PDB file of N, CA and C in Angstrom:
ATOM      1  N   MET A   1      13.629  10.751-107.570  1.00  0.00           N
ATOM      2  CA  MET A   1      12.335  10.299-107.088  1.00  0.00           C
ATOM      3  C   MET A   1      11.912  11.122-105.864  1.00  0.00           C
ATOM      4  N   PHE A   2      12.727  11.125-104.818  1.00  0.00           N
ATOM      5  CA  PHE A   2      12.441  11.919-103.620  1.00  0.00           C
ATOM      6  C   PHE A   2      13.530  12.965-103.472  1.00  0.00           C
ATOM      7  N   ASP A   3      13.127  14.184-103.143  1.00  0.00           N
ATOM      8  CA  ASP A   3      14.093  15.268-103.003  1.00  0.00           C
ATOM      9  C   ASP A   3      14.809  15.243-101.658  1.00  0.00           C
ATOM     10  N   SER A   4      14.179  14.653-100.663  1.00  0.00           N
ATOM     11  CA  SER A   4      14.801  14.659 -99.344  1.00  0.00           C
ATOM     12  C   SER A   4      14.361  13.449 -98.538  1.00  0.00           C
ATOM     13  N   LEU A   5      15.076  13.234 -97.462  1.00  0.00           N
ATOM     14  CA  LEU A   5      14.730  12.149 -96.555  1.00  0.00           C
ATOM     15  C   LEU A   5      13.354  12.383 -95.935  1.00  0.00           C
ATOM     16  N   GLU A   6      13.026  13.643 -95.661  1.00  0.00           N
ATOM     17  CA  GLU A   6      11.724  13.970 -95.072  1.00  0.00           C
ATOM     18  C   GLU A   6      10.579  13.520 -95.983  1.00  0.00           C
ATOM     19  N   GLU A   7      10.713  13.761 -97.279  1.00  0.00           N
ATOM     20  CA  GLU A   7       9.677  13.327 -98.219  1.00  0.00           C
ATOM     21  C   GLU A   7       9.577  11.808 -98.258  1.00  0.00           C
ATOM     22  N   GLN A   8      10.713  11.120 -98.205  1.00  0.00           N
ATOM     23  CA  GLN A   8      10.712   9.652 -98.191  1.00  0.00           C
ATOM     24  C   GLN A   8      10.003   9.139 -96.952  1.00  0.00           C
ATOM     25  N   MET A   9      10.277   9.758 -95.798  1.00  0.00           N
ATOM     26  CA  MET A   9       9.641   9.329 -94.556  1.00  0.00           C
ATOM     27  C   MET A   9       8.138   9.566 -94.598  1.00  0.00           C
ATOM     28  N   LYS A  10       7.697  10.697 -95.132  1.00  0.00           N
ATOM     29  CA  LYS A  10       6.260  10.965 -95.267  1.00  0.00           C
ATOM     30  C   LYS A  10       5.606   9.936 -96.171  1.00  0.00           C
ATOM     31  N   HIS A  11       6.273   9.610 -97.253  1.00  0.00           N
ATOM     32  CA  HIS A  11       5.738   8.621 -98.198  1.00  0.00           C
ATOM     33  C   HIS A  11       5.604   7.257 -97.526  1.00  0.00           C
ATOM     34  N   ASP A  12       6.646   6.839 -96.790  1.00  0.00           N
ATOM     35  CA  ASP A  12       6.608   5.547 -96.107  1.00  0.00           C
ATOM     36  C   ASP A  12       5.527   5.520 -95.030  1.00  0.00           C
ATOM     37  N   ALA A  13       5.374   6.604 -94.286  1.00  0.00           N
ATOM     38  CA  ALA A  13       4.359   6.667 -93.230  1.00  0.00           C
ATOM     39  C   ALA A  13       2.955   6.614 -93.818  1.00  0.00           C
ATOM     40  N   ALA A  14       2.765   7.233 -94.963  1.00  0.00           N
ATOM     41  CA  ALA A  14       1.440   7.231 -95.595  1.00  0.00           C
ATOM     42  C   ALA A  14       1.044   5.832 -96.034  1.00  0.00           C
ATOM     43  N   LEU A  15       2.010   5.004 -96.375  1.00  0.00           N
ATOM     44  CA  LEU A  15       1.701   3.640 -96.792  1.00  0.00           C
ATOM     45  C   LEU A  15       1.305   2.757 -95.616  1.00  0.00           C
ATOM     46  N   VAL A  16       1.791   3.073 -94.424  1.00  0.00           N
ATOM     47  CA  VAL A  16       1.594   2.204 -93.265  1.00  0.00           C
ATOM     48  C   VAL A  16       0.385   2.602 -92.432  1.00  0.00           C
ATOM     49  N   THR A  17       0.162   3.895 -92.226  1.00  0.00           N
ATOM     50  CA  THR A  17      -0.907   4.344 -91.329  1.00  0.00           C
ATOM     51  C   THR A  17      -1.888   5.254 -92.052  1.00  0.00           C
ATOM     52  N   THR A  18      -3.085   5.322 -91.488  1.00  0.00           N
ATOM     53  CA  THR A  18      -4.094   6.225 -92.033  1.00  0.00           C
ATOM     54  C   THR A  18      -3.997   7.566 -91.318  1.00  0.00           C
ATOM     55  N   LYS A  19      -4.661   8.560 -91.866  1.00  0.00           N
ATOM     56  CA  LYS A  19      -4.641   9.892 -91.248  1.00  0.00           C
ATOM     57  C   LYS A  19      -5.253   9.837 -89.850  1.00  0.00           C
ATOM     58  N   GLY A  20      -6.298   9.056 -89.678  1.00  0.00           N
ATOM     59  CA  GLY A  20      -6.929   8.917 -88.368  1.00  0.00           C
ATOM     60  C   GLY A  20      -6.005   8.298 -87.337  1.00  0.00           C
ATOM     61  N   GLU A  21      -5.231   7.303 -87.747  1.00  0.00           N
ATOM     62  CA  GLU A  21      -4.289   6.672 -86.826  1.00  0.00           C
ATOM     63  C   GLU A  21      -3.192   7.643 -86.422  1.00  0.00           C
ATOM     64  N   ARG A  22      -2.700   8.426 -87.373  1.00  0.00           N
ATOM     65  CA  ARG A  22      -1.666   9.415 -87.050  1.00  0.00           C
ATOM     66  C   ARG A  22      -2.219  10.478 -86.104  1.00  0.00           C
ATOM     67  N   THR A  23      -3.454  10.913 -86.344  1.00  0.00           N
ATOM     68  CA  THR A  23      -4.080  11.906 -85.473  1.00  0.00           C
ATOM     69  C   THR A  23      -4.268  11.341 -84.072  1.00  0.00           C
ATOM     70  N   ALA A  24      -4.744  10.112 -83.979  1.00  0.00           N
ATOM     71  CA  ALA A  24      -4.938   9.478 -82.676  1.00  0.00           C
ATOM     72  C   ALA A  24      -3.614   9.355 -81.933  1.00  0.00           C
ATOM     73  N   LYS A  25      -2.552   8.998 -82.647  1.00  0.00           N
ATOM     74  CA  LYS A  25      -1.237   8.877 -82.020  1.00  0.00           C
ATOM     75  C   LYS A  25      -0.797  10.211 -81.433  1.00  0.00           C
ATOM     76  N   TRP A  26      -0.987  11.298 -82.171  1.00  0.00           N
ATOM     77  CA  TRP A  26      -0.568  12.614 -81.681  1.00  0.00           C
ATOM     78  C   TRP A  26      -1.425  13.083 -80.519  1.00  0.00           C
ATOM     79  N   VAL A  27      -2.702  12.741 -80.523  1.00  0.00           N
ATOM     80  CA  VAL A  27      -3.579  13.097 -79.395  1.00  0.00           C
ATOM     81  C   VAL A  27      -3.119  12.357 -78.138  1.00  0.00           C
ATOM     82  N   VAL A  28      -2.805  11.085 -78.266  1.00  0.00           N
ATOM     83  CA  VAL A  28      -2.344  10.295 -77.120  1.00  0.00           C
ATOM     84  C   VAL A  28      -1.006  10.818 -76.614  1.00  0.00           C
ATOM     85  N   VAL A  29      -0.077  11.099 -77.520  1.00  0.00           N
ATOM     86  CA  VAL A  29       1.230  11.626 -77.125  1.00  0.00           C
ATOM     87  C   VAL A  29       1.071  12.966 -76.414  1.00  0.00           C
ATOM     88  N   SER A  30       0.207  13.825 -76.932  1.00  0.00           N
ATOM     89  CA  SER A  30      -0.023  15.129 -76.309  1.00  0.00           C
ATOM     90  C   SER A  30      -0.625  14.972 -74.915  1.00  0.00           C
ATOM     91  N   ALA A  31      -1.614  14.104 -74.786  1.00  0.00           N
ATOM     92  CA  ALA A  31      -2.258  13.897 -73.483  1.00  0.00           C
ATOM     93  C   ALA A  31      -1.261  13.339 -72.470  1.00  0.00           C
ATOM     94  N   LEU A  32      -0.440  12.383 -72.882  1.00  0.00           N
ATOM     95  CA  LEU A  32       0.550  11.813 -71.966  1.00  0.00           C
ATOM     96  C   LEU A  32       1.594  12.854 -71.563  1.00  0.00           C
ATOM     97  N   SER A  33       1.972  13.703 -72.490  1.00  0.00           N
ATOM     98  CA  SER A  33       2.944  14.754 -72.179  1.00  0.00           C
ATOM     99  C   SER A  33       2.375  15.733 -71.158  1.00  0.00           C
ATOM    100  N   ILE A  34       1.134  16.119 -71.353  1.00  0.00           N
ATOM    101  CA  ILE A  34       0.479  17.042 -70.413  1.00  0.00           C
ATOM    102  C   ILE A  34       0.374  16.402 -69.032  1.00  0.00           C
ATOM    103  N   LEU A  35      -0.004  15.128 -68.981  1.00  0.00           N
ATOM    104  CA  LEU A  35      -0.097  14.434 -67.695  1.00  0.00           C
ATOM    105  C   LEU A  35       1.266  14.316 -67.023  1.00  0.00           C
ATOM    106  N   LEU A  36       2.285  14.001 -67.784  1.00  0.00           N
ATOM    107  CA  LEU A  36       3.619  13.854 -67.224  1.00  0.00           C
ATOM    108  C   LEU A  36       4.131  15.173 -66.653  1.00  0.00           C
ATOM    109  N   PHE A  37       4.037  16.239 -67.438  1.00  0.00           N
ATOM    110  CA  PHE A  37       4.510  17.531 -66.956  1.00  0.00           C
ATOM    111  C   PHE A  37       3.637  18.058 -65.817  1.00  0.00           C
ATOM    112  N   GLY A  38       2.354  17.769 -65.860  1.00  0.00           N
ATOM    113  CA  GLY A  38       1.479  18.150 -64.756  1.00  0.00           C
ATOM    114  C   GLY A  38       1.848  17.432 -63.476  1.00  0.00           C
ATOM    115  N   ALA A  39       2.173  16.155 -63.587  1.00  0.00           N
ATOM    116  CA  ALA A  39       2.575  15.385 -62.405  1.00  0.00           C
ATOM    117  C   ALA A  39       3.894  15.895 -61.851  1.00  0.00           C
ATOM    118  N   MET A  40       4.830  16.235 -62.724  1.00  0.00           N
ATOM    119  CA  MET A  40       6.111  16.778 -62.257  1.00  0.00           C
ATOM    120  C   MET A  40       5.909  18.125 -61.579  1.00  0.00           C
ATOM    121  N   TYR A  41       5.064  18.970 -62.159  1.00  0.00           N
ATOM    122  CA  TYR A  41       4.769  20.276 -61.561  1.00  0.00           C
ATOM    123  C   TYR A  41       4.139  20.092 -60.175  1.00  0.00           C
ATOM    124  N   PHE A  42       3.171  19.181 -60.086  1.00  0.00           N
ATOM    125  CA  PHE A  42       2.499  18.922 -58.811  1.00  0.00           C
ATOM    126  C   PHE A  42       3.506  18.405 -57.773  1.00  0.00           C
ATOM    127  N   ALA A  43       4.399  17.511 -58.177  1.00  0.00           N
ATOM    128  CA  ALA A  43       5.383  16.957 -57.255  1.00  0.00           C
ATOM    129  C   ALA A  43       6.308  18.055 -56.737  1.00  0.00           C
ATOM    130  N   VAL A  44       6.727  18.959 -57.595  1.00  0.00           N
ATOM    131  CA  VAL A  44       7.591  20.060 -57.167  1.00  0.00           C
ATOM    132  C   VAL A  44       6.847  20.963 -56.209  1.00  0.00           C
ATOM    133  N   ARG A  45       5.585  21.258 -56.490  1.00  0.00           N
ATOM    134  CA  ARG A  45       4.797  22.126 -55.603  1.00  0.00           C
ATOM    135  C   ARG A  45       4.594  21.485 -54.242  1.00  0.00           C
ATOM    136  N   VAL A  46       4.398  20.165 -54.191  1.00  0.00           N
ATOM    137  CA  VAL A  46       4.189  19.465 -52.915  1.00  0.00           C
ATOM    138  C   VAL A  46       5.475  19.460 -52.089  1.00  0.00           C
ATOM    139  N   LEU A  47       6.616  19.350 -52.742  1.00  0.00           N
ATOM    140  CA  LEU A  47       7.898  19.283 -52.033  1.00  0.00           C
ATOM    141  C   LEU A  47       8.337  20.633 -51.496  1.00  0.00           C
ATOM    142  N   GLU A  48       7.773  21.709 -51.990  1.00  0.00           N
ATOM    143  CA  GLU A  48       8.181  23.040 -51.522  1.00  0.00           C
ATOM    144  C   GLU A  48       7.613  23.361 -50.165  1.00  0.00           C
TER     145      GLU A  48
END
C-alpha cells in the first residue's frame, strides 16, 4: 500500500489538514524562527 513511512505520513497529514493550514503553519514557524534568531543576534551584539 505505502512504499515508505514518509508516504504514510504525507497521506495521514493530507487527511487532517488543508494545504492552506499547512502553508500557514510554515509561515508562522518561519516568522518565529527569524524573530528568535534575530533576538539572539541582537542580544549578542548588545553584550559585546
